[in-house]
């Protein structure tokens, strides 16, 4: 008993010291039964953690006892009475909030709110902005002359300034009225909007960039443009006839289609077997059986032709590419480089820094490349035989045994890497046999 009294007295003394704000640095590390730390600007006390803890600094003062607690920092005070169910907080600016689920309420300098989740909401910003919701009804105001209300989530209405209003009854009714325009929709049978009237399935009309009328849509549609073009459509869009304003159209889809304007022409026969397009800037396009069979594009001296996706001939200014996959391919760059390949399965190319970059999934039977400066590369059956020319240097390789290099200063021949190697360099000759060191052969025969 006497020991318990001594321990209790010690704990009380330490607690009193923290309350008094003792400044002497000290520490008692008996955690989790007791932990006390006091430094120049901070004091910490924990008793039977996590039952009780206290922290105090110049900017913060907090304590916690089981599910209750208090904190004060930067002008804001927070009380947790039954954490996390009930919290009360307020600050020096006049804001206050209380949360005791499901009831929430609070205030600011002018605003107020009350929430009884999920049945009741009430918010008040000022005389012109307030909302009240008693599920499923809602009403309120957000402008001096604007009011709204509804039956959530089915109906909604809004009264605005200058005789404007909106009414929605989802999904059947949509009514909107303004000083110059109005909209009425009785879904899905009646649509009356700014430039459109549609009575399904009997009649329709519209007027915007063009005027149009329809009877028993899509049985018959008639339209007129501001340029004077008049068109009659039957079973729209399959059959159409129109003339006027430098525009002619005859269509009986998919058998025939002809469309001519002042700057374009279009012809289709048994679409998509034959398509022809011609524009006023000189561009011509031809499709036969869609692009999978044949397609062509000609424009200002350039052309692009594809056949059965295996043949292509693409010609641009100072560039040319053609091929018949997988037998042959040819490409000439605008800088003068040339690439040629024969029997090259599953290959494609991409341009990188203005030069040609080839990637092959299998191998190349025949491949030849030449650069504008005269450099070239020739290969046969991938690298079964390869010959590279870079300036005055020439290298060749016959896979997998023989390689050779030749330049004005040096020449070399190898068989089986270093099983046998002959080299001429700086006017001297040497050889290697079975990985031996260099064996001098004397001066070259020059």
Protein backbone atom coordinates (compact mmCIF):
# COMPACT_ATOMS: atom_id res chain seq x y z
CA UNK A 1 0.00 0.00 0.00
CA UNK A 2 2.78 2.42 0.92
CA UNK A 3 4.53 1.78 -2.40
CA UNK A 4 1.31 2.53 -4.33
CA UNK A 5 0.90 5.81 -2.47
CA UNK A 6 4.50 6.80 -3.30
CA UNK A 7 3.98 5.93 -7.01
CA UNK A 8 0.71 7.86 -7.19
CA UNK A 9 2.33 10.88 -5.57
CA UNK A 10 5.17 10.77 -8.06
CA UNK A 11 2.76 10.65 -11.01
CA UNK A 12 0.77 13.57 -9.62
CA UNK A 13 3.92 15.62 -9.18
CA UNK A 14 4.97 14.96 -12.76
CA UNK A 15 1.51 15.87 -14.06
CA UNK A 16 1.54 19.08 -12.05
CA UNK A 17 4.94 19.93 -13.49
CA UNK A 18 3.63 19.61 -17.05
CA UNK A 19 0.61 21.78 -16.24
CA UNK A 20 2.82 24.45 -14.74
CA UNK A 21 4.95 24.41 -17.91
CA UNK A 22 8.24 23.33 -16.37
CA UNK A 23 11.24 24.33 -18.50
CA UNK A 24 13.92 22.04 -17.03
CA UNK A 25 15.00 19.27 -19.43
CA UNK A 26 14.17 15.82 -17.97
CA UNK A 27 13.08 12.33 -19.09
CA UNK A 28 11.53 9.34 -17.31
CA UNK A 29 11.33 6.38 -19.77
CA UNK A 30 9.06 3.82 -17.99
CA UNK A 31 6.86 3.30 -21.08
CA UNK A 32 4.10 2.06 -21.37
CA UNK A 33 3.41 2.67 -17.63
CA UNK A 34 4.91 6.11 -17.52
CA UNK A 35 6.80 8.28 -19.96
CA UNK A 36 7.74 11.88 -19.26
CA UNK A 37 9.90 14.21 -21.32
CA UNK A 38 10.50 17.90 -20.82
CA UNK A 39 12.66 20.04 -23.06
CA UNK A 40 12.96 23.77 -23.59
CA UNK A 41 9.86 24.13 -25.82
CA UNK A 42 8.02 20.80 -25.48
CA UNK A 43 6.57 18.65 -22.73
CA UNK A 44 5.24 15.08 -23.23
CA UNK A 45 3.50 12.89 -20.66
CA UNK A 46 2.06 9.38 -21.20
CA UNK A 47 0.43 7.29 -18.43
CA UNK A 48 -0.60 3.70 -19.09
CA UNK A 49 -0.41 4.42 -22.84
CA UNK A 50 -2.76 4.72 -24.72
CA UNK A 51 -5.07 5.51 -21.76
CA UNK A 52 -3.67 9.04 -21.25
CA UNK A 53 -1.18 11.27 -23.06
CA UNK A 54 -0.39 14.98 -22.97
CA UNK A 55 1.67 17.17 -25.31
CA UNK A 56 2.44 20.83 -24.90
CA UNK A 57 4.43 23.18 -27.16
CA UNK A 58 4.32 26.97 -27.72
CA UNK A 59 1.94 26.41 -30.71
CA UNK A 60 -0.02 23.38 -29.52
CA UNK A 61 -1.66 22.07 -26.35
CA UNK A 62 -3.32 18.65 -26.52
CA UNK A 63 -4.41 15.91 -24.17
CA UNK A 64 -6.31 12.65 -24.60
CA UNK A 65 -8.03 10.38 -22.05
CA UNK A 66 -9.34 7.15 -23.57
CA UNK A 67 -11.95 8.23 -26.21
CA UNK A 68 -12.04 11.87 -25.16
CA UNK A 69 -9.57 14.59 -25.94
CA UNK A 70 -8.83 18.28 -26.37
CA UNK A 71 -6.46 20.20 -28.64
CA UNK A 72 -5.69 23.83 -29.25
CA UNK A 73 -3.46 24.89 -32.14
CA UNK A 74 -3.21 28.03 -34.27
CA UNK A 75 -6.38 29.62 -32.95
CA UNK A 76 -8.54 26.50 -33.31
CA UNK A 77 -9.95 24.45 -30.41
CA UNK A 78 -11.23 20.89 -30.86
CA UNK A 79 -13.06 18.69 -28.31
CA UNK A 80 -13.53 14.97 -28.96
CA UNK A 81 -16.13 13.76 -26.47
CA UNK A 82 -16.77 10.24 -27.74
CA UNK A 83 -14.27 9.75 -30.60
CA UNK A 84 -15.09 9.39 -33.47
CA UNK A 85 -18.84 9.89 -32.86
CA UNK A 86 -18.90 13.39 -31.32
CA UNK A 87 -16.62 16.30 -32.13
CA UNK A 88 -16.98 20.01 -31.36
CA UNK A 89 -14.62 22.62 -32.80
CA UNK A 90 -14.43 26.40 -33.07
CA UNK A 91 -11.84 29.01 -34.03
CA UNK A 92 -11.05 32.65 -33.41
CA UNK A 93 -12.69 33.69 -36.74
CA UNK A 94 -16.13 32.78 -35.40
CA UNK A 95 -16.59 29.41 -37.11
CA UNK A 96 -18.08 26.58 -35.05
CA UNK A 97 -19.03 23.00 -35.92
CA UNK A 98 -20.56 20.06 -34.06
CA UNK A 99 -20.74 16.49 -35.32
CA UNK A 100 -22.69 13.88 -33.41
CA UNK A 101 -23.68 11.32 -36.03
CA UNK A 102 -26.21 11.54 -37.66
CA UNK A 103 -26.68 15.21 -36.55
CA UNK A 104 -24.32 17.89 -37.88
CA UNK A 105 -24.64 21.63 -37.46
CA UNK A 106 -22.41 24.69 -37.57
CA UNK A 107 -22.06 28.37 -38.34
CA UNK A 108 -19.70 30.90 -39.88
CA UNK A 109 -19.72 34.67 -39.71
CA UNK A 110 -23.00 34.73 -41.70
CA UNK A 111 -23.67 31.17 -42.89
CA UNK A 112 -25.48 28.40 -41.02
CA UNK A 113 -26.15 24.74 -41.70
CA UNK A 114 -28.00 21.79 -40.13
CA UNK A 115 -27.86 18.20 -41.37
CA UNK A 116 -29.78 15.20 -40.03
CA UNK A 117 -28.37 12.52 -42.28
CA UNK A 118 -29.87 11.45 -44.65
CA UNK A 119 -33.36 12.95 -44.30
CA UNK A 120 -32.84 16.67 -43.71
CA UNK A 121 -30.47 19.36 -45.07
CA UNK A 122 -30.62 23.08 -44.45
CA UNK A 123 -27.96 25.59 -45.52
CA UNK A 124 -28.05 29.37 -45.33
CA UNK A 125 -25.40 31.57 -46.96
CA UNK A 126 -27.29 34.87 -46.98
CA UNK A 127 -30.76 36.17 -47.88
CA UNK A 128 -30.20 35.33 -51.57
CA UNK A 129 -28.74 31.82 -51.13
CA UNK A 130 -30.36 29.11 -49.04
CA UNK A 131 -31.43 25.50 -49.59
CA UNK A 132 -33.72 23.16 -47.69
CA UNK A 133 -34.15 19.44 -48.36
CA UNK A 134 -36.63 17.14 -46.65
CA UNK A 135 -36.25 13.94 -48.63
CA UNK A 136 -37.68 13.61 -51.25
CA UNK A 137 -38.61 17.34 -51.47
CA UNK A 138 -36.22 20.26 -51.98
CA UNK A 139 -36.57 24.03 -52.43
CA UNK A 140 -34.40 27.10 -52.15
CA UNK A 141 -32.96 30.25 -53.71
CA UNK A 142 -29.53 30.98 -55.21
CA UNK A 143 -30.04 34.42 -56.81
CA UNK A 144 -32.18 37.47 -55.87
CA UNK A 145 -35.00 36.43 -58.24
CA UNK A 146 -34.21 32.75 -58.85
CA UNK A 147 -36.06 30.00 -57.02
CA UNK A 148 -36.02 26.27 -57.47
CA UNK A 149 -37.61 23.12 -56.08
CA UNK A 150 -38.21 19.50 -56.90
CA UNK A 151 -39.32 16.01 -56.05
CA UNK A 152 -36.04 14.09 -56.05
CA UNK A 153 -34.98 12.48 -58.30
CA UNK A 154 -38.01 12.64 -60.62
CA UNK A 155 -39.13 16.27 -60.98
CA UNK A 156 -37.35 19.62 -60.86
CA UNK A 157 -38.44 23.22 -61.51
CA UNK A 158 -36.61 26.55 -61.60
CA UNK A 159 -37.94 30.13 -61.85
CA UNK A 160 -35.41 32.62 -63.16
CA UNK A 161 -35.35 36.35 -63.76
CA UNK A 162 -37.06 37.94 -66.80
CA UNK A 163 -39.82 35.33 -67.19
CA UNK A 164 -37.48 32.37 -67.61
CA UNK A 165 -38.36 28.98 -66.17
CA UNK A 166 -37.49 25.31 -66.52
CA UNK A 167 -39.51 22.20 -65.68
CA UNK A 168 -38.23 18.60 -65.83
CA UNK A 169 -40.19 15.43 -65.12
CA UNK A 170 -37.76 12.62 -65.84
CA UNK A 171 -37.84 11.12 -68.43
CA UNK A 172 -41.17 12.30 -69.93
CA UNK A 173 -41.33 16.12 -69.79
CA UNK A 174 -38.75 18.82 -70.45
CA UNK A 175 -39.99 22.41 -70.65
CA UNK A 176 -37.75 25.47 -70.87
CA UNK A 177 -38.87 29.02 -71.65
CA UNK A 178 -36.91 32.25 -72.19
CA UNK A 179 -37.43 35.72 -73.66
CA UNK A 180 -36.68 34.59 -77.24
CA UNK A 181 -36.50 30.77 -77.24
CA UNK A 182 -38.44 27.88 -75.75
CA UNK A 183 -38.12 24.10 -75.66
CA UNK A 184 -40.84 21.51 -75.09
CA UNK A 185 -40.18 17.77 -75.13
CA UNK A 186 -42.75 15.06 -74.41
CA UNK A 187 -40.42 12.10 -74.66
CA UNK A 188 -40.30 10.30 -77.05
CA UNK A 189 -43.21 11.51 -79.24
CA UNK A 190 -42.98 15.32 -79.35
CA UNK A 191 -39.89 17.54 -79.72
CA UNK A 192 -40.21 21.32 -80.17
CA UNK A 193 -36.88 23.08 -79.85
CA UNK A 194 -35.45 26.38 -81.10
CA UNK A 195 -35.21 25.43 -84.80
CA UNK A 196 -36.68 21.93 -84.83
CA UNK A 197 -40.17 20.40 -84.58
CA UNK A 198 -40.55 16.62 -84.59
CA UNK A 199 -43.78 14.68 -84.08
CA UNK A 200 -42.85 10.99 -84.05
CA UNK A 201 -43.53 9.15 -86.34
CA UNK A 202 -45.57 11.54 -88.54
CA UNK A 203 -43.88 14.86 -89.26
CA UNK A 204 -40.76 16.90 -88.73
CA UNK A 205 -39.22 20.20 -89.83
CA UNK A 206 -36.17 22.29 -89.05
CA UNK A 207 -34.37 25.46 -90.00
CA UNK A 208 -30.79 26.38 -89.17
CA UNK A 209 -28.06 26.29 -91.84
CA UNK A 210 -30.65 24.60 -94.08
CA UNK A 211 -34.40 24.00 -94.15
CA UNK A 212 -35.78 20.49 -94.05
CA UNK A 213 -39.10 18.68 -93.77
CA UNK A 214 -39.93 15.02 -93.32
CA UNK A 215 -43.13 12.99 -93.57
CA UNK A 216 -43.33 9.57 -91.96
CA UNK A 217 -39.57 9.63 -91.35
CA UNK A 218 -37.46 8.18 -92.83
CA UNK A 219 -39.91 7.48 -95.68
CA UNK A 220 -39.50 10.98 -97.21
CA UNK A 221 -37.17 13.89 -96.40
CA UNK A 222 -36.90 17.20 -98.24
CA UNK A 223 -34.23 19.80 -97.58
CA UNK A 224 -33.20 23.18 -99.01
CA UNK A 225 -29.94 25.06 -98.46
CA UNK A 226 -29.30 28.81 -98.56
CA UNK A 227 -27.35 28.32 -101.82
CA UNK A 228 -30.54 27.12 -103.55
CA UNK A 229 -29.89 23.39 -103.46
CA UNK A 230 -33.07 21.28 -103.14
CA UNK A 231 -32.95 17.56 -102.33
CA UNK A 232 -35.59 14.83 -102.07
CA UNK A 233 -34.77 11.65 -100.12
CA UNK A 234 -36.79 8.45 -100.07
CA UNK A 235 -36.13 5.83 -97.42
CA UNK A 236 -33.34 8.12 -96.20
CA UNK A 237 -30.40 7.79 -96.79
CA UNK A 238 -30.73 5.11 -99.48
CA UNK A 239 -32.33 7.05 -102.37
CA UNK A 240 -31.86 10.78 -103.07
CA UNK A 241 -32.20 13.30 -105.90
CA UNK A 242 -31.09 16.92 -105.69
CA UNK A 243 -30.10 19.87 -107.90
CA UNK A 244 -29.40 23.60 -107.63
CA UNK A 245 -26.71 26.00 -106.45
CA UNK A 246 -23.86 24.31 -108.41
CA UNK A 247 -24.66 21.03 -106.68
CA UNK A 248 -26.03 17.80 -108.18
CA UNK A 249 -26.68 14.52 -106.40
CA UNK A 250 -28.11 11.18 -107.55
CA UNK A 251 -28.01 8.28 -105.12
CA UNK A 252 -29.51 4.81 -105.02
CA UNK A 253 -27.42 3.17 -102.31
CA UNK A 254 -25.47 0.90 -102.60
CA UNK A 255 -25.81 0.50 -106.40
CA UNK A 256 -24.98 4.03 -107.52
CA UNK A 257 -24.00 7.43 -106.12
CA UNK A 258 -23.00 10.63 -107.95
CA UNK A 259 -22.28 13.87 -106.07
CA UNK A 260 -20.93 17.01 -107.75
CA UNK A 261 -20.28 20.43 -106.22
CA UNK A 262 -18.38 23.47 -107.47
CA UNK A 263 -15.09 22.10 -106.12
CA UNK A 264 -15.51 18.30 -105.81
CA UNK A 265 -16.82 15.19 -107.56
CA UNK A 266 -17.71 11.80 -106.14
CA UNK A 267 -18.75 8.57 -107.88
CA UNK A 268 -19.61 5.21 -106.27
CA UNK A 269 -20.65 1.99 -108.02
CA UNK A 270 -21.74 -1.07 -106.04
CA UNK A 271 -20.21 0.51 -102.94
CA UNK A 272 -17.62 -0.33 -101.65
CA UNK A 273 -16.41 -2.06 -104.82
CA UNK A 274 -15.68 1.21 -106.64
CA UNK A 275 -15.15 4.72 -105.21
CA UNK A 276 -13.78 7.81 -106.97
CA UNK A 277 -13.10 11.20 -105.37
CA UNK A 278 -11.86 14.37 -107.09
CA UNK A 279 -11.43 17.73 -105.34
CA UNK A 280 -10.93 21.23 -106.70
CA UNK A 281 -7.29 21.44 -105.57
CA UNK A 282 -6.37 18.62 -107.96
CA UNK A 283 -6.43 15.68 -105.58
CA UNK A 284 -7.81 12.39 -106.93
CA UNK A 285 -8.58 9.22 -104.99
CA UNK A 286 -9.64 5.78 -106.18
CA UNK A 287 -10.78 2.81 -104.08
CA UNK A 288 -11.68 -0.60 -105.51
CA UNK A 289 -13.15 -3.08 -103.05
CA UNK A 290 -12.06 -0.84 -100.18
CA UNK A 291 -8.36 -0.24 -99.59
CA UNK A 292 -7.81 -4.00 -99.06
CA UNK A 293 -7.98 -4.63 -102.86
CA UNK A 294 -6.78 -1.40 -104.48
CA UNK A 295 -6.42 2.24 -103.48
CA UNK A 296 -4.79 5.20 -105.17
CA UNK A 297 -4.18 8.82 -104.21
CA UNK A 298 -2.74 11.45 -106.60
CA UNK A 299 -2.03 15.03 -105.51
CA UNK A 300 0.26 17.71 -107.01
CA UNK A 301 2.82 15.34 -108.49
CA UNK A 302 2.74 12.91 -105.54
CA UNK A 303 1.05 9.53 -105.67
CA UNK A 304 0.27 6.63 -103.36
CA UNK A 305 -0.91 3.24 -104.67
CA UNK A 306 -1.72 0.08 -102.69
CA UNK A 307 -2.91 -3.28 -104.05
CA UNK A 308 -4.18 -6.22 -101.98
CA UNK A 309 -2.14 -4.75 -99.10
CA UNK A 310 0.89 -6.57 -100.68
CA UNK A 311 1.82 -4.05 -103.40
CA UNK A 312 2.52 -0.36 -102.87
CA UNK A 313 3.99 2.52 -104.82
CA UNK A 314 4.29 5.77 -102.84
CA UNK A 315 5.87 8.75 -104.56
CA UNK A 316 6.45 12.11 -102.90
CA UNK A 317 8.62 15.05 -103.84
CA UNK A 318 12.21 13.73 -103.78
CA UNK A 319 11.05 10.50 -102.07
CA UNK A 320 9.94 7.18 -103.50
CA UNK A 321 8.87 3.86 -101.94
CA UNK A 322 7.54 0.76 -103.68
CA UNK A 323 7.33 -2.95 -103.02
CA UNK A 324 5.59 -6.27 -103.48
CA UNK A 325 5.64 -8.06 -100.15
CA UNK A 326 7.46 -10.31 -99.39
CA UNK A 327 9.33 -10.48 -102.70
CA UNK A 328 10.67 -6.98 -103.28
CA UNK A 329 10.98 -3.58 -101.64
CA UNK A 330 12.66 -0.34 -102.65
CA UNK A 331 12.92 3.03 -100.92
CA UNK A 332 14.72 6.23 -101.88
CA UNK A 333 15.14 9.00 -99.33
CA UNK A 334 15.00 12.71 -100.02
CA UNK A 335 18.69 12.91 -99.05
CA UNK A 336 19.60 10.40 -101.75
CA UNK A 337 19.94 7.16 -99.76
CA UNK A 338 18.59 3.98 -101.39
CA UNK A 339 17.42 0.72 -99.82
CA UNK A 340 16.57 -2.38 -101.85
CA UNK A 341 15.49 -5.79 -100.55
CA UNK A 342 14.36 -9.09 -102.10
CA UNK A 343 12.48 -11.93 -100.39
CA UNK A 344 12.17 -10.12 -97.06
CA UNK A 345 9.40 -11.77 -94.96
CA UNK A 346 7.63 -9.86 -92.18
CA UNK A 347 9.56 -6.60 -92.37
CA UNK A 348 8.69 -3.02 -91.68
CA UNK A 349 10.60 0.22 -91.41
CA UNK A 350 10.56 3.45 -89.46
CA UNK A 351 12.39 6.72 -89.97
CA UNK A 352 14.94 7.81 -87.37
CA UNK A 353 17.02 11.02 -87.62
CA UNK A 354 16.39 11.19 -91.37
CA UNK A 355 17.93 7.78 -92.11
CA UNK A 356 16.42 4.42 -92.82
CA UNK A 357 15.97 1.99 -89.95
CA UNK A 358 14.93 -1.58 -90.82
CA UNK A 359 13.57 -4.18 -88.42
CA UNK A 360 12.93 -7.73 -89.65
CA UNK A 361 11.05 -10.44 -87.79
CA UNK A 362 12.72 -13.24 -89.80
CA UNK A 363 15.65 -12.54 -92.14
CA UNK A 364 16.57 -10.84 -95.43
CA UNK A 365 17.29 -12.91 -98.55
CA UNK A 366 18.79 -9.94 -100.41
CA UNK A 367 19.37 -6.46 -99.02
CA UNK A 368 21.18 -3.48 -100.52
CA UNK A 369 21.54 0.03 -99.05
CA UNK A 370 23.38 3.05 -100.43
CA UNK A 371 23.92 6.47 -98.87
CA UNK A 372 24.44 9.79 -100.75
CA UNK A 373 28.13 9.88 -99.73
CA UNK A 374 28.77 6.55 -101.49
CA UNK A 375 28.65 4.31 -98.39
CA UNK A 376 26.81 1.05 -99.10
CA UNK A 377 25.86 -2.29 -97.58
CA UNK A 378 25.03 -5.54 -99.35
CA UNK A 379 23.83 -8.72 -97.61
CA UNK A 380 22.58 -12.10 -98.82
CA UNK A 381 20.47 -14.45 -96.65
CA UNK A 382 20.79 -12.14 -93.66
CA UNK A 383 24.54 -12.34 -92.91
CA UNK A 384 25.50 -15.49 -94.82
CA UNK A 385 27.39 -12.99 -96.99
CA UNK A 386 27.76 -9.31 -96.09
CA UNK A 387 29.84 -6.49 -97.60
CA UNK A 388 30.09 -2.98 -96.09
CA UNK A 389 31.75 0.04 -97.69
CA UNK A 390 32.44 3.11 -95.52
CA UNK A 391 34.58 5.66 -97.34
CA UNK A 392 37.84 3.92 -98.23
CA UNK A 393 37.22 1.02 -95.82
CA UNK A 394 35.68 -2.23 -97.04
CA UNK A 395 34.70 -5.17 -94.81
CA UNK A 396 33.14 -8.49 -95.78
CA UNK A 397 31.93 -11.57 -93.97
CA UNK A 398 30.94 -15.09 -94.98
CA UNK A 399 29.08 -16.58 -92.05
CA UNK A 400 30.28 -18.26 -89.91
CA UNK A 401 33.96 -18.79 -90.79
CA UNK A 402 35.54 -16.07 -92.94
CA UNK A 403 35.86 -12.32 -92.43
CA UNK A 404 37.98 -9.66 -94.05
CA UNK A 405 38.79 -5.92 -93.90
CA UNK A 406 40.63 -3.66 -96.32
CA UNK A 407 41.68 -0.02 -96.14
CA UNK A 408 44.58 2.02 -97.55
CA UNK A 409 46.57 1.49 -94.33
CA UNK A 410 45.51 -2.01 -93.29
CA UNK A 411 44.10 -5.31 -94.57
CA UNK A 412 43.08 -8.47 -92.73
CA UNK A 413 41.72 -11.93 -93.50
CA UNK A 414 40.45 -14.39 -90.84
CA UNK A 415 39.19 -17.97 -90.95
CA UNK A 416 37.46 -19.27 -87.83
CA UNK A 417 38.33 -16.03 -86.00
CA UNK A 418 41.94 -16.78 -84.92
CA UNK A 419 42.33 -20.34 -86.17
CA UNK A 420 44.04 -18.61 -89.07
CA UNK A 421 44.52 -14.86 -89.47
CA UNK A 422 46.58 -12.81 -91.90
CA UNK A 423 47.16 -9.08 -91.37
CA UNK A 424 49.02 -6.29 -93.17
CA UNK A 425 49.47 -3.02 -91.30
CA UNK A 426 52.00 -0.16 -91.43
CA UNK A 427 54.03 -1.93 -94.11
CA UNK A 428 54.39 -5.12 -92.06
CA UNK A 429 52.85 -8.56 -92.40
CA UNK A 430 51.87 -11.04 -89.68
CA UNK A 431 49.79 -14.14 -89.14
CA UNK A 432 48.19 -16.17 -86.34
CA UNK A 433 47.65 -19.94 -86.34
CA UNK A 434 45.49 -21.71 -83.75
CA UNK A 435 45.19 -18.60 -81.49
CA UNK A 436 48.95 -18.04 -81.43
CA UNK A 437 50.51 -14.62 -80.91
CA UNK A 438 51.34 -12.63 -84.03
CA UNK A 439 54.02 -14.28 -86.20
CA UNK A 440 55.96 -11.62 -88.20
CA UNK A 441 56.34 -12.36 -91.93
CA UNK A 442 58.54 -9.42 -92.83
CA UNK A 443 57.74 -6.29 -94.83
CA UNK A 444 54.84 -6.21 -97.23
CA UNK A 445 55.39 -6.77 -100.91
CA UNK A 446 54.54 -3.20 -101.90
